[in-house]
């Protein structure tokens, strides 16, 4: 039986791939060697309803699966498990955690939500303790997400230690704001990047303020925020090129 890797890149826009300004060669190569679906639509405006749809194959409104993976709906992981696959999930998205029942059907479920607990020592802790610890991590860090390179190390360790066949779900969060693409990708003022993202998250994009950009003329904060997001996409593509 064939091993299956279910790879999700959170918040990645379709038009950000193969962008004229920022390259995504790794993703482009994957698309060239695969079946590409160009008329797919997210089933929710946020993570939980979108992921419930992908994991169950059902519309979230069919069973009220807005923020919680209902027990009544069979999942893709459970189907793989029943057919003899070892199943695993490795990610750092708090919106698809075991607190919301997203661990159903997985033999291994590494949330890696807490960046200060790299060994996953709290995985066996009571849900109430995990909930408070997760809130503390969000306060201590500007983003609760692990970067792609750290997620990839966990993926590699799991794959090399797991017998075939396996089904593995991972979800990269680098493209999700706040945007911190790194020094090699142009936008170096990370604090300003974060402020722009938070304004965009609170206000309608058209209401973002206009700002002077010096010798390059005037541009909108919306355009600058979009450019930072594209830069993050290119950065993520570069980090994952070897793994993909």
C-alpha atoms as a PDB file:
ATOM      1  CA  UNK A   1       0.000   0.000   0.000  1.00  0.00           C
ATOM      2  CA  UNK A   2       1.123   3.541  -0.740  1.00  0.00           C
ATOM      3  CA  UNK A   3       2.212   5.937   1.998  1.00  0.00           C
ATOM      4  CA  UNK A   4       0.124   9.125   2.104  1.00  0.00           C
ATOM      5  CA  UNK A   5       1.290  12.587   3.200  1.00  0.00           C
ATOM      6  CA  UNK A   6      -1.548  15.086   3.683  1.00  0.00           C
ATOM      7  CA  UNK A   7       0.238  18.442   3.547  1.00  0.00           C
ATOM      8  CA  UNK A   8      -1.682  21.623   4.388  1.00  0.00           C
ATOM      9  CA  UNK A   9      -0.238  25.143   4.160  1.00  0.00           C
ATOM     10  CA  UNK A  10      -2.439  27.364   6.292  1.00  0.00           C
ATOM     11  CA  UNK A  11      -3.616  30.665   4.740  1.00  0.00           C
ATOM     12  CA  UNK A  12      -1.815  30.075   1.426  1.00  0.00           C
ATOM     13  CA  UNK A  13      -3.655  31.958  -1.317  1.00  0.00           C
ATOM     14  CA  UNK A  14      -3.910  30.412  -4.755  1.00  0.00           C
ATOM     15  CA  UNK A  15      -2.585  33.570  -6.420  1.00  0.00           C
ATOM     16  CA  UNK A  16       0.498  33.618  -4.164  1.00  0.00           C
ATOM     17  CA  UNK A  17       1.962  30.557  -5.871  1.00  0.00           C
ATOM     18  CA  UNK A  18       4.151  31.227  -8.926  1.00  0.00           C
ATOM     19  CA  UNK A  19       3.843  34.939  -8.187  1.00  0.00           C
ATOM     20  CA  UNK A  20       5.717  37.293 -10.533  1.00  0.00           C
ATOM     21  CA  UNK A  21       7.534  39.004  -7.653  1.00  0.00           C
ATOM     22  CA  UNK A  22       8.300  36.038  -5.369  1.00  0.00           C
ATOM     23  CA  UNK A  23       9.231  32.578  -6.640  1.00  0.00           C
ATOM     24  CA  UNK A  24       7.902  29.273  -5.279  1.00  0.00           C
ATOM     25  CA  UNK A  25       9.946  26.689  -7.227  1.00  0.00           C
ATOM     26  CA  UNK A  26       9.315  23.790  -4.832  1.00  0.00           C
ATOM     27  CA  UNK A  27       5.539  24.195  -4.967  1.00  0.00           C
ATOM     28  CA  UNK A  28       5.681  24.742  -8.721  1.00  0.00           C
ATOM     29  CA  UNK A  29       7.557  21.465  -9.175  1.00  0.00           C
ATOM     30  CA  UNK A  30       5.051  19.619  -7.010  1.00  0.00           C
ATOM     31  CA  UNK A  31       2.198  20.992  -9.121  1.00  0.00           C
ATOM     32  CA  UNK A  32       3.896  19.985 -12.371  1.00  0.00           C
ATOM     33  CA  UNK A  33       4.310  16.376 -11.208  1.00  0.00           C
ATOM     34  CA  UNK A  34       0.823  16.066  -9.702  1.00  0.00           C
ATOM     35  CA  UNK A  35      -2.849  16.475 -10.449  1.00  0.00           C
ATOM     36  CA  UNK A  36      -3.754  20.126 -10.011  1.00  0.00           C
ATOM     37  CA  UNK A  37      -7.282  21.195  -9.064  1.00  0.00           C
ATOM     38  CA  UNK A  38      -7.847  24.823  -9.989  1.00  0.00           C
ATOM     39  CA  UNK A  39     -11.463  25.224  -8.872  1.00  0.00           C
ATOM     40  CA  UNK A  40     -11.284  24.287  -5.194  1.00  0.00           C
ATOM     41  CA  UNK A  41     -13.009  26.398  -2.565  1.00  0.00           C
ATOM     42  CA  UNK A  42     -12.345  26.586   1.173  1.00  0.00           C
ATOM     43  CA  UNK A  43     -15.406  25.531   3.159  1.00  0.00           C
ATOM     44  CA  UNK A  44     -14.893  28.118   5.868  1.00  0.00           C
ATOM     45  CA  UNK A  45     -13.226  31.460   6.496  1.00  0.00           C
ATOM     46  CA  UNK A  46     -11.140  30.026   9.333  1.00  0.00           C
ATOM     47  CA  UNK A  47      -9.147  26.912  10.171  1.00  0.00           C
ATOM     48  CA  UNK A  48     -11.576  24.697  12.075  1.00  0.00           C
ATOM     49  CA  UNK A  49     -14.501  24.555   9.604  1.00  0.00           C
ATOM     50  CA  UNK A  50     -12.108  24.240   6.666  1.00  0.00           C
ATOM     51  CA  UNK A  51     -10.254  21.341   8.274  1.00  0.00           C
ATOM     52  CA  UNK A  52     -13.408  19.536   9.399  1.00  0.00           C
ATOM     53  CA  UNK A  53     -14.516  19.588   5.756  1.00  0.00           C
ATOM     54  CA  UNK A  54     -11.177  18.248   4.517  1.00  0.00           C
ATOM     55  CA  UNK A  55     -10.923  15.523   7.153  1.00  0.00           C
ATOM     56  CA  UNK A  56     -14.524  14.317   6.794  1.00  0.00           C
ATOM     57  CA  UNK A  57     -15.444  15.154   3.194  1.00  0.00           C
ATOM     58  CA  UNK A  58     -18.610  16.863   4.436  1.00  0.00           C
ATOM     59  CA  UNK A  59     -19.756  20.467   4.480  1.00  0.00           C
ATOM     60  CA  UNK A  60     -19.381  21.914   8.006  1.00  0.00           C
ATOM     61  CA  UNK A  61     -22.988  23.151   7.933  1.00  0.00           C
ATOM     62  CA  UNK A  62     -24.176  19.564   7.457  1.00  0.00           C
ATOM     63  CA  UNK A  63     -23.391  18.724  11.062  1.00  0.00           C
ATOM     64  CA  UNK A  64     -22.514  21.959  12.857  1.00  0.00           C
ATOM     65  CA  UNK A  65     -18.782  21.328  12.618  1.00  0.00           C
ATOM     66  CA  UNK A  66     -17.706  24.932  12.980  1.00  0.00           C
ATOM     67  CA  UNK A  67     -15.115  24.737  15.752  1.00  0.00           C
ATOM     68  CA  UNK A  68     -15.182  21.105  16.870  1.00  0.00           C
ATOM     69  CA  UNK A  69     -14.741  17.786  15.047  1.00  0.00           C
ATOM     70  CA  UNK A  70     -17.996  15.989  15.819  1.00  0.00           C
ATOM     71  CA  UNK A  71     -17.952  12.311  16.839  1.00  0.00           C
ATOM     72  CA  UNK A  72     -20.830  11.584  14.465  1.00  0.00           C
ATOM     73  CA  UNK A  73     -18.750  12.033  11.308  1.00  0.00           C
ATOM     74  CA  UNK A  74     -16.122   9.456  10.219  1.00  0.00           C
ATOM     75  CA  UNK A  75     -12.752  10.977   9.400  1.00  0.00           C
ATOM     76  CA  UNK A  76     -10.136  10.302   6.767  1.00  0.00           C
ATOM     77  CA  UNK A  77      -7.639   9.239   9.447  1.00  0.00           C
ATOM     78  CA  UNK A  78     -10.069   6.678  10.869  1.00  0.00           C
ATOM     79  CA  UNK A  79     -10.573   5.187   7.411  1.00  0.00           C
ATOM     80  CA  UNK A  80      -6.826   4.837   6.878  1.00  0.00           C
ATOM     81  CA  UNK A  81      -6.492   3.327  10.356  1.00  0.00           C
ATOM     82  CA  UNK A  82      -9.159   0.709   9.634  1.00  0.00           C
ATOM     83  CA  UNK A  83      -7.307  -0.258   6.457  1.00  0.00           C
ATOM     84  CA  UNK A  84      -4.063  -1.083   8.235  1.00  0.00           C
ATOM     85  CA  UNK A  85      -2.256   2.257   8.074  1.00  0.00           C
ATOM     86  CA  UNK A  86      -0.264   3.770  10.935  1.00  0.00           C
ATOM     87  CA  UNK A  87      -1.638   7.297  11.280  1.00  0.00           C
ATOM     88  CA  UNK A  88       0.100  10.419  12.513  1.00  0.00           C
ATOM     89  CA  UNK A  89      -0.483  14.169  12.773  1.00  0.00           C
ATOM     90  CA  UNK A  90       2.262  16.718  13.442  1.00  0.00           C
ATOM     91  CA  UNK A  91       1.456  20.446  13.487  1.00  0.00           C
ATOM     92  CA  UNK A  92       1.391  23.539  15.708  1.00  0.00           C
ATOM     93  CA  UNK A  93      -2.058  24.954  14.979  1.00  0.00           C
ATOM     94  CA  UNK A  94      -4.061  25.426  18.209  1.00  0.00           C
ATOM     95  CA  UNK A  95      -7.322  25.532  16.236  1.00  0.00           C
ATOM     96  CA  UNK A  96      -7.044  21.851  15.279  1.00  0.00           C
ATOM     97  CA  UNK A  97      -5.866  20.513  18.628  1.00  0.00           C
ATOM     98  CA  UNK A  98      -7.032  17.499  20.600  1.00  0.00           C
ATOM     99  CA  UNK A  99      -9.028  19.945  22.728  1.00  0.00           C
ATOM    100  CA  UNK A 100     -11.277  20.258  19.660  1.00  0.00           C
ATOM    101  CA  UNK A 101     -11.304  16.511  18.995  1.00  0.00           C
ATOM    102  CA  UNK A 102      -9.006  16.638  15.957  1.00  0.00           C
ATOM    103  CA  UNK A 103      -6.902  13.754  17.292  1.00  0.00           C
ATOM    104  CA  UNK A 104      -9.576  11.239  16.254  1.00  0.00           C
ATOM    105  CA  UNK A 105      -8.144   8.369  14.223  1.00  0.00           C
ATOM    106  CA  UNK A 106      -4.482   9.193  14.834  1.00  0.00           C
ATOM    107  CA  UNK A 107      -2.054   6.769  16.480  1.00  0.00           C
ATOM    108  CA  UNK A 108       0.322   9.699  16.980  1.00  0.00           C
ATOM    109  CA  UNK A 109      -0.902  13.253  17.484  1.00  0.00           C
ATOM    110  CA  UNK A 110       1.888  15.782  18.090  1.00  0.00           C
ATOM    111  CA  UNK A 111       0.414  19.232  18.465  1.00  0.00           C
ATOM    112  CA  UNK A 112       3.653  21.055  19.259  1.00  0.00           C
ATOM    113  CA  UNK A 113       1.531  24.017  20.283  1.00  0.00           C
ATOM    114  CA  UNK A 114       3.846  24.877  23.147  1.00  0.00           C
ATOM    115  CA  UNK A 115       7.222  26.062  21.807  1.00  0.00           C
ATOM    116  CA  UNK A 116       8.712  25.687  25.298  1.00  0.00           C
ATOM    117  CA  UNK A 117       7.798  22.009  25.429  1.00  0.00           C
ATOM    118  CA  UNK A 118       9.662  20.542  22.418  1.00  0.00           C
ATOM    119  CA  UNK A 119       9.506  17.026  23.857  1.00  0.00           C
ATOM    120  CA  UNK A 120       5.723  17.126  24.127  1.00  0.00           C
ATOM    121  CA  UNK A 121       5.726  16.458  27.871  1.00  0.00           C
ATOM    122  CA  UNK A 122       2.321  18.084  28.324  1.00  0.00           C
ATOM    123  CA  UNK A 123       0.596  15.847  25.777  1.00  0.00           C
ATOM    124  CA  UNK A 124      -0.559  13.569  28.573  1.00  0.00           C
ATOM    125  CA  UNK A 125      -1.556  16.419  30.860  1.00  0.00           C
ATOM    126  CA  UNK A 126      -5.215  17.136  31.666  1.00  0.00           C
ATOM    127  CA  UNK A 127      -6.999  19.246  29.078  1.00  0.00           C
ATOM    128  CA  UNK A 128      -7.530  22.066  31.573  1.00  0.00           C
ATOM    129  CA  UNK A 129      -3.784  22.317  32.238  1.00  0.00           C
ATOM    130  CA  UNK A 130      -2.992  22.216  28.521  1.00  0.00           C
ATOM    131  CA  UNK A 131      -5.482  25.009  27.884  1.00  0.00           C
ATOM    132  CA  UNK A 132      -3.847  27.351  30.413  1.00  0.00           C
ATOM    133  CA  UNK A 133      -0.321  26.413  29.340  1.00  0.00           C
ATOM    134  CA  UNK A 134      -1.228  27.159  25.745  1.00  0.00           C
ATOM    135  CA  UNK A 135      -2.483  30.626  26.717  1.00  0.00           C
ATOM    136  CA  UNK A 136       0.779  31.278  28.572  1.00  0.00           C
ATOM    137  CA  UNK A 137       2.778  30.312  25.490  1.00  0.00           C
ATOM    138  CA  UNK A 138       0.816  32.777  23.376  1.00  0.00           C
ATOM    139  CA  UNK A 139       1.709  35.558  25.802  1.00  0.00           C
ATOM    140  CA  UNK A 140       5.398  34.628  25.939  1.00  0.00           C
ATOM    141  CA  UNK A 141       5.763  34.330  22.164  1.00  0.00           C
ATOM    142  CA  UNK A 142       4.619  36.701  19.444  1.00  0.00           C
ATOM    143  CA  UNK A 143       3.357  33.680  17.524  1.00  0.00           C
ATOM    144  CA  UNK A 144       2.375  30.252  18.932  1.00  0.00           C
ATOM    145  CA  UNK A 145       3.373  28.488  15.716  1.00  0.00           C
ATOM    146  CA  UNK A 146       6.503  26.478  15.059  1.00  0.00           C
ATOM    147  CA  UNK A 147       8.478  27.363  11.910  1.00  0.00           C
ATOM    148  CA  UNK A 148       8.505  24.940   9.001  1.00  0.00           C
ATOM    149  CA  UNK A 149      12.067  23.768   9.579  1.00  0.00           C
ATOM    150  CA  UNK A 150      11.225  22.557  13.107  1.00  0.00           C
ATOM    151  CA  UNK A 151       8.057  20.842  11.921  1.00  0.00           C
ATOM    152  CA  UNK A 152      10.071  19.136   9.173  1.00  0.00           C
ATOM    153  CA  UNK A 153      12.483  17.670  11.712  1.00  0.00           C
ATOM    154  CA  UNK A 154       9.577  16.087  13.570  1.00  0.00           C
ATOM    155  CA  UNK A 155       8.105  14.807  10.304  1.00  0.00           C
ATOM    156  CA  UNK A 156      11.402  13.203   9.302  1.00  0.00           C
ATOM    157  CA  UNK A 157      11.807  11.528  12.693  1.00  0.00           C
ATOM    158  CA  UNK A 158       8.275  10.129  12.567  1.00  0.00           C
ATOM    159  CA  UNK A 159       8.561   8.838   9.000  1.00  0.00           C
ATOM    160  CA  UNK A 160      11.929   7.134   9.566  1.00  0.00           C
ATOM    161  CA  UNK A 161      10.671   5.423  12.721  1.00  0.00           C
ATOM    162  CA  UNK A 162       7.305   4.283  11.309  1.00  0.00           C
ATOM    163  CA  UNK A 163       6.702   1.117   9.311  1.00  0.00           C
ATOM    164  CA  UNK A 164       4.879   1.261   5.984  1.00  0.00           C
ATOM    165  CA  UNK A 165       2.128   1.944   5.180  1.00  0.00           C
ATOM    166  CA  UNK A 166       1.476   5.243   6.915  1.00  0.00           C
ATOM    167  CA  UNK A 167      -0.808   8.271   6.650  1.00  0.00           C
ATOM    168  CA  UNK A 168       0.628  11.556   7.946  1.00  0.00           C
ATOM    169  CA  UNK A 169      -1.054  14.950   8.212  1.00  0.00           C
ATOM    170  CA  UNK A 170       0.943  18.130   8.732  1.00  0.00           C
ATOM    171  CA  UNK A 171       0.017  21.795   8.584  1.00  0.00           C
ATOM    172  CA  UNK A 172       2.561  24.570   8.030  1.00  0.00           C
ATOM    173  CA  UNK A 173       1.696  27.868   9.695  1.00  0.00           C
ATOM    174  CA  UNK A 174       4.446  30.164   8.370  1.00  0.00           C
ATOM    175  CA  UNK A 175       2.184  31.807   5.782  1.00  0.00           C
ATOM    176  CA  UNK A 176      -0.357  32.642   8.508  1.00  0.00           C
ATOM    177  CA  UNK A 177       0.170  36.070  10.068  1.00  0.00           C
ATOM    178  CA  UNK A 178       2.005  37.655  11.701  1.00  0.00           C
ATOM    179  CA  UNK A 179       4.377  37.612   8.739  1.00  0.00           C
ATOM    180  CA  UNK A 180       8.019  37.057   9.698  1.00  0.00           C
ATOM    181  CA  UNK A 181       9.731  35.887   6.501  1.00  0.00           C
ATOM    182  CA  UNK A 182      13.327  36.439   7.575  1.00  0.00           C
ATOM    183  CA  UNK A 183      16.257  38.546   6.385  1.00  0.00           C
ATOM    184  CA  UNK A 184      16.741  36.805   3.045  1.00  0.00           C
ATOM    185  CA  UNK A 185      13.322  37.833   1.800  1.00  0.00           C
ATOM    186  CA  UNK A 186      13.394  41.579   1.759  1.00  0.00           C
ATOM    187  CA  UNK A 187      11.210  42.802   4.606  1.00  0.00           C
ATOM    188  CA  UNK A 188      13.481  43.195   7.637  1.00  0.00           C
ATOM    189  CA  UNK A 189      11.375  45.281  10.028  1.00  0.00           C
ATOM    190  CA  UNK A 190       9.527  42.436  11.732  1.00  0.00           C
ATOM    191  CA  UNK A 191       7.796  44.615  14.307  1.00  0.00           C
ATOM    192  CA  UNK A 192       6.302  46.841  11.617  1.00  0.00           C
ATOM    193  CA  UNK A 193       5.283  43.741   9.667  1.00  0.00           C
ATOM    194  CA  UNK A 194       3.428  42.449  12.706  1.00  0.00           C
ATOM    195  CA  UNK A 195       1.674  45.781  13.270  1.00  0.00           C
ATOM    196  CA  UNK A 196       0.517  45.858   9.650  1.00  0.00           C
ATOM    197  CA  UNK A 197      -0.826  42.319   9.895  1.00  0.00           C
ATOM    198  CA  UNK A 198      -2.769  43.089  13.069  1.00  0.00           C
ATOM    199  CA  UNK A 199      -4.318  46.166  11.457  1.00  0.00           C
ATOM    200  CA  UNK A 200      -5.333  44.076   8.460  1.00  0.00           C
ATOM    201  CA  UNK A 201      -6.841  41.443  10.761  1.00  0.00           C
ATOM    202  CA  UNK A 202      -8.969  44.010  12.610  1.00  0.00           C
ATOM    203  CA  UNK A 203      -9.898  46.422   9.811  1.00  0.00           C
ATOM    204  CA  UNK A 204     -11.195  45.905   6.308  1.00  0.00           C
ATOM    205  CA  UNK A 205      -8.204  45.992   3.913  1.00  0.00           C
ATOM    206  CA  UNK A 206      -9.503  49.115   2.175  1.00  0.00           C
ATOM    207  CA  UNK A 207      -9.341  50.973   5.508  1.00  0.00           C
ATOM    208  CA  UNK A 208      -5.643  50.341   6.072  1.00  0.00           C
ATOM    209  CA  UNK A 209      -3.811  53.699   6.224  1.00  0.00           C
ATOM    210  CA  UNK A 210      -1.768  55.110   3.381  1.00  0.00           C
ATOM    211  CA  UNK A 211       1.907  55.486   4.230  1.00  0.00           C
ATOM    212  CA  UNK A 212       4.854  57.130   2.541  1.00  0.00           C
ATOM    213  CA  UNK A 213       7.567  54.789   1.279  1.00  0.00           C
ATOM    214  CA  UNK A 214      10.274  57.409   0.705  1.00  0.00           C
ATOM    215  CA  UNK A 215      11.959  57.531  -2.689  1.00  0.00           C
ATOM    216  CA  UNK A 216       9.721  54.806  -4.086  1.00  0.00           C
ATOM    217  CA  UNK A 217       6.673  57.075  -3.790  1.00  0.00           C
ATOM    218  CA  UNK A 218       3.431  56.447  -1.960  1.00  0.00           C
ATOM    219  CA  UNK A 219       1.855  53.055  -1.529  1.00  0.00           C
ATOM    220  CA  UNK A 220      -0.928  51.644   0.597  1.00  0.00           C
ATOM    221  CA  UNK A 221      -0.333  49.626   3.736  1.00  0.00           C
ATOM    222  CA  UNK A 222      -2.552  47.024   2.112  1.00  0.00           C
ATOM    223  CA  UNK A 223      -0.084  46.584  -0.767  1.00  0.00           C
ATOM    224  CA  UNK A 224       2.829  46.467   1.647  1.00  0.00           C
ATOM    225  CA  UNK A 225       1.059  43.847   3.774  1.00  0.00           C
ATOM    226  CA  UNK A 226       0.348  41.783   0.642  1.00  0.00           C
ATOM    227  CA  UNK A 227       3.998  41.999  -0.367  1.00  0.00           C
ATOM    228  CA  UNK A 228       5.080  40.771   3.071  1.00  0.00           C
ATOM    229  CA  UNK A 229       2.654  37.856   2.812  1.00  0.00           C
ATOM    230  CA  UNK A 230       4.032  36.898  -0.598  1.00  0.00           C
ATOM    231  CA  UNK A 231       7.535  37.104   0.855  1.00  0.00           C
ATOM    232  CA  UNK A 232       6.505  34.699   3.623  1.00  0.00           C
ATOM    233  CA  UNK A 233       5.159  32.275   1.015  1.00  0.00           C
ATOM    234  CA  UNK A 234       8.458  32.355  -0.875  1.00  0.00           C
ATOM    235  CA  UNK A 235      10.368  31.900   2.380  1.00  0.00           C
ATOM    236  CA  UNK A 236       8.273  28.861   3.322  1.00  0.00           C
ATOM    237  CA  UNK A 237       8.791  27.369  -0.132  1.00  0.00           C
ATOM    238  CA  UNK A 238      12.550  27.774   0.265  1.00  0.00           C
ATOM    239  CA  UNK A 239      12.580  26.173   3.729  1.00  0.00           C
ATOM    240  CA  UNK A 240      10.658  23.151   2.490  1.00  0.00           C
ATOM    241  CA  UNK A 241      12.384  22.627  -0.861  1.00  0.00           C
ATOM    242  CA  UNK A 242      14.680  19.862   0.400  1.00  0.00           C
ATOM    243  CA  UNK A 243      11.924  18.066   2.330  1.00  0.00           C
ATOM    244  CA  UNK A 244       9.356  18.138  -0.477  1.00  0.00           C
END
